Amino acid sequence: MRWYDVEQNTEAWNELRTGKVTASQFGCFMANMGKAFGEAAKQYALQIALEIIKGKRSEFSFTNEHIQRGHEQEPMG
């Protein structure tokens, strides 16, 4: 494992995440509706594959109240 000391949500942080499965999206693997590999997981796998091929981050982004709260409280930690 490599450790990168970069500020969250910066350009450098986004570059490091490009083409990689991240914990913030891991829930899509759990949303499989009883199938081995559900639609959400297929879409995420496609997104990661396209990022690897294109060498740049996907235009799609996701946020919710939990992610927002984390961003707001991060400086306190």
N, C-alpha and C. Protein backbone atom coordinates (compact mmCIF):
# COMPACT_ATOMS: atom_id res chain seq x y z
N MET A 1 0.83 -1.17 0.00
CA MET A 1 0.00 0.00 0.00
C MET A 1 0.88 1.24 0.00
N ARG A 2 0.47 2.21 -0.75
CA ARG A 2 1.18 3.49 -0.78
C ARG A 2 0.34 4.54 -0.07
N TRP A 3 1.00 5.45 0.58
CA TRP A 3 0.35 6.54 1.29
C TRP A 3 0.64 7.84 0.56
N TYR A 4 -0.41 8.58 0.24
CA TYR A 4 -0.26 9.87 -0.41
C TYR A 4 -0.82 10.94 0.52
N ASP A 5 -0.04 11.92 0.82
CA ASP A 5 -0.46 13.01 1.70
C ASP A 5 -0.98 14.16 0.85
N VAL A 6 -2.24 14.03 0.41
CA VAL A 6 -2.86 15.06 -0.41
C VAL A 6 -4.20 15.44 0.22
N GLU A 7 -4.59 16.68 0.00
CA GLU A 7 -5.85 17.16 0.54
C GLU A 7 -7.01 16.58 -0.26
N GLN A 8 -8.05 16.16 0.46
CA GLN A 8 -9.22 15.58 -0.17
C GLN A 8 -9.90 16.61 -1.08
N ASN A 9 -10.43 16.10 -2.19
CA ASN A 9 -11.18 16.89 -3.19
C ASN A 9 -10.33 17.89 -3.97
N THR A 10 -9.03 17.73 -3.95
CA THR A 10 -8.17 18.57 -4.77
C THR A 10 -7.95 17.87 -6.11
N GLU A 11 -7.34 18.57 -7.03
CA GLU A 11 -7.03 17.98 -8.34
C GLU A 11 -6.12 16.76 -8.18
N ALA A 12 -5.11 16.87 -7.30
CA ALA A 12 -4.20 15.75 -7.07
C ALA A 12 -4.94 14.55 -6.49
N TRP A 13 -5.86 14.79 -5.59
CA TRP A 13 -6.66 13.72 -4.97
C TRP A 13 -7.50 13.02 -6.04
N ASN A 14 -8.15 13.80 -6.89
CA ASN A 14 -8.96 13.22 -7.96
C ASN A 14 -8.11 12.41 -8.94
N GLU A 15 -6.93 12.89 -9.26
CA GLU A 15 -6.04 12.14 -10.17
C GLU A 15 -5.65 10.80 -9.58
N LEU A 16 -5.39 10.76 -8.27
CA LEU A 16 -5.01 9.50 -7.63
C LEU A 16 -6.16 8.49 -7.63
N ARG A 17 -7.39 8.95 -7.64
CA ARG A 17 -8.56 8.08 -7.60
C ARG A 17 -9.02 7.62 -8.99
N THR A 18 -8.51 8.24 -10.03
CA THR A 18 -8.93 7.91 -11.39
C THR A 18 -8.60 6.46 -11.72
N GLY A 19 -9.61 5.72 -12.18
CA GLY A 19 -9.42 4.33 -12.58
C GLY A 19 -9.29 3.35 -11.43
N LYS A 20 -9.69 3.78 -10.23
CA LYS A 20 -9.56 2.91 -9.05
C LYS A 20 -10.92 2.76 -8.36
N VAL A 21 -11.16 1.58 -7.83
CA VAL A 21 -12.35 1.34 -7.02
C VAL A 21 -12.12 2.02 -5.68
N THR A 22 -13.10 2.80 -5.23
CA THR A 22 -12.96 3.53 -3.98
C THR A 22 -14.02 3.10 -2.98
N ALA A 23 -13.73 3.28 -1.71
CA ALA A 23 -14.65 2.89 -0.64
C ALA A 23 -15.97 3.64 -0.73
N SER A 24 -15.95 4.87 -1.19
CA SER A 24 -17.19 5.65 -1.26
C SER A 24 -18.20 5.05 -2.23
N GLN A 25 -17.76 4.22 -3.14
CA GLN A 25 -18.66 3.59 -4.11
C GLN A 25 -18.85 2.10 -3.88
N PHE A 26 -18.27 1.57 -2.81
CA PHE A 26 -18.30 0.12 -2.60
C PHE A 26 -19.72 -0.41 -2.40
N GLY A 27 -20.62 0.43 -1.94
CA GLY A 27 -22.00 -0.01 -1.73
C GLY A 27 -22.66 -0.54 -2.99
N CYS A 28 -22.24 -0.11 -4.15
CA CYS A 28 -22.85 -0.60 -5.39
C CYS A 28 -22.60 -2.09 -5.58
N PHE A 29 -21.56 -2.62 -4.98
CA PHE A 29 -21.31 -4.06 -5.08
C PHE A 29 -22.26 -4.84 -4.20
N MET A 30 -22.80 -4.18 -3.19
CA MET A 30 -23.74 -4.83 -2.28
C MET A 30 -25.17 -4.76 -2.82
N ALA A 31 -25.45 -3.86 -3.73
CA ALA A 31 -26.79 -3.66 -4.28
C ALA A 31 -26.99 -4.56 -5.48
N ASN A 32 -26.98 -5.87 -5.25
CA ASN A 32 -27.02 -6.79 -6.39
C ASN A 32 -28.36 -7.50 -6.56
N MET A 33 -29.34 -7.21 -5.72
CA MET A 33 -30.68 -7.78 -5.84
C MET A 33 -30.65 -9.30 -6.03
N GLY A 34 -29.81 -9.97 -5.27
CA GLY A 34 -29.74 -11.42 -5.32
C GLY A 34 -28.92 -12.00 -6.45
N LYS A 35 -28.36 -11.17 -7.29
CA LYS A 35 -27.55 -11.63 -8.41
C LYS A 35 -26.08 -11.58 -8.02
N ALA A 36 -25.28 -12.34 -8.71
CA ALA A 36 -23.84 -12.38 -8.41
C ALA A 36 -23.18 -11.03 -8.67
N PHE A 37 -23.63 -10.33 -9.70
CA PHE A 37 -23.03 -9.06 -10.07
C PHE A 37 -24.16 -8.17 -10.58
N GLY A 38 -24.71 -7.33 -9.70
CA GLY A 38 -25.88 -6.52 -10.01
C GLY A 38 -25.60 -5.39 -10.99
N GLU A 39 -26.66 -4.72 -11.39
CA GLU A 39 -26.56 -3.64 -12.38
C GLU A 39 -25.69 -2.49 -11.88
N ALA A 40 -25.83 -2.14 -10.60
CA ALA A 40 -25.01 -1.05 -10.06
C ALA A 40 -23.53 -1.38 -10.13
N ALA A 41 -23.18 -2.61 -9.83
CA ALA A 41 -21.78 -3.03 -9.90
C ALA A 41 -21.27 -3.04 -11.34
N LYS A 42 -22.13 -3.46 -12.27
CA LYS A 42 -21.74 -3.46 -13.68
C LYS A 42 -21.46 -2.03 -14.16
N GLN A 43 -22.32 -1.09 -13.78
CA GLN A 43 -22.14 0.30 -14.18
C GLN A 43 -20.86 0.88 -13.59
N TYR A 44 -20.59 0.55 -12.33
CA TYR A 44 -19.37 1.05 -11.70
C TYR A 44 -18.12 0.45 -12.35
N ALA A 45 -18.17 -0.84 -12.64
CA ALA A 45 -17.05 -1.50 -13.31
C ALA A 45 -16.79 -0.85 -14.68
N LEU A 46 -17.86 -0.53 -15.40
CA LEU A 46 -17.72 0.14 -16.69
C LEU A 46 -17.10 1.52 -16.52
N GLN A 47 -17.55 2.26 -15.51
CA GLN A 47 -16.99 3.58 -15.25
C GLN A 47 -15.50 3.49 -14.98
N ILE A 48 -15.08 2.55 -14.15
CA ILE A 48 -13.66 2.38 -13.82
C ILE A 48 -12.87 2.00 -15.08
N ALA A 49 -13.41 1.08 -15.87
CA ALA A 49 -12.73 0.66 -17.10
C ALA A 49 -12.55 1.83 -18.05
N LEU A 50 -13.58 2.65 -18.20
CA LEU A 50 -13.48 3.81 -19.09
C LEU A 50 -12.47 4.83 -18.58
N GLU A 51 -12.39 5.01 -17.26
CA GLU A 51 -11.39 5.92 -16.71
C GLU A 51 -9.99 5.41 -17.00
N ILE A 52 -9.79 4.11 -16.90
CA ILE A 52 -8.48 3.52 -17.19
C ILE A 52 -8.12 3.73 -18.67
N ILE A 53 -9.07 3.46 -19.54
CA ILE A 53 -8.84 3.58 -20.97
C ILE A 53 -8.59 5.03 -21.38
N LYS A 54 -9.43 5.94 -20.87
CA LYS A 54 -9.32 7.36 -21.24
C LYS A 54 -8.23 8.08 -20.47
N GLY A 55 -7.84 7.55 -19.33
CA GLY A 55 -6.81 8.18 -18.52
C GLY A 55 -7.27 9.45 -17.82
N LYS A 56 -8.60 9.59 -17.70
CA LYS A 56 -9.11 10.76 -16.97
C LYS A 56 -10.37 10.38 -16.21
N ARG A 57 -10.68 11.16 -15.22
CA ARG A 57 -11.80 10.91 -14.32
C ARG A 57 -13.12 11.02 -15.06
N SER A 58 -14.07 10.20 -14.66
CA SER A 58 -15.41 10.23 -15.22
C SER A 58 -16.10 11.54 -14.86
N GLU A 59 -16.99 11.98 -15.72
CA GLU A 59 -17.75 13.20 -15.46
C GLU A 59 -18.82 12.98 -14.40
N PHE A 60 -19.18 11.72 -14.15
CA PHE A 60 -20.20 11.40 -13.17
C PHE A 60 -19.68 11.65 -11.76
N SER A 61 -20.49 12.25 -10.93
CA SER A 61 -20.11 12.40 -9.53
C SER A 61 -21.34 12.16 -8.66
N PHE A 62 -21.11 11.73 -7.45
CA PHE A 62 -22.18 11.40 -6.53
C PHE A 62 -21.90 12.04 -5.20
N THR A 63 -22.93 12.55 -4.57
CA THR A 63 -22.80 13.06 -3.21
C THR A 63 -24.12 12.84 -2.48
N ASN A 64 -24.05 12.84 -1.18
CA ASN A 64 -25.25 12.76 -0.34
C ASN A 64 -24.96 13.50 0.97
N GLU A 65 -25.94 13.50 1.88
CA GLU A 65 -25.77 14.25 3.12
C GLU A 65 -24.62 13.72 3.98
N HIS A 66 -24.35 12.44 3.92
CA HIS A 66 -23.26 11.85 4.70
C HIS A 66 -21.89 12.31 4.17
N ILE A 67 -21.76 12.32 2.87
CA ILE A 67 -20.51 12.78 2.26
C ILE A 67 -20.30 14.26 2.55
N GLN A 68 -21.37 15.06 2.43
CA GLN A 68 -21.27 16.49 2.74
C GLN A 68 -20.84 16.71 4.18
N ARG A 69 -21.46 15.99 5.12
CA ARG A 69 -21.12 16.12 6.54
C ARG A 69 -19.64 15.76 6.77
N GLY A 70 -19.17 14.72 6.10
CA GLY A 70 -17.77 14.34 6.22
C GLY A 70 -16.82 15.43 5.74
N HIS A 71 -17.18 16.06 4.64
CA HIS A 71 -16.36 17.16 4.12
C HIS A 71 -16.35 18.35 5.09
N GLU A 72 -17.51 18.63 5.67
CA GLU A 72 -17.61 19.75 6.61
C GLU A 72 -16.84 19.50 7.90
N GLN A 73 -16.86 18.25 8.37
CA GLN A 73 -16.23 17.93 9.66
C GLN A 73 -14.78 17.49 9.55
N GLU A 74 -14.30 17.24 8.35
CA GLU A 74 -12.93 16.76 8.17
C GLU A 74 -11.88 17.68 8.80
N PRO A 75 -12.00 19.00 8.66
CA PRO A 75 -10.98 19.85 9.29
C PRO A 75 -10.91 19.71 10.82
N MET A 76 -11.98 19.22 11.45
CA MET A 76 -12.01 19.05 12.90
C MET A 76 -11.23 17.84 13.35
N GLY A 77 -11.05 16.84 12.44
CA GLY A 77 -10.42 15.57 12.80
C GLY A 77 -8.97 15.68 12.84
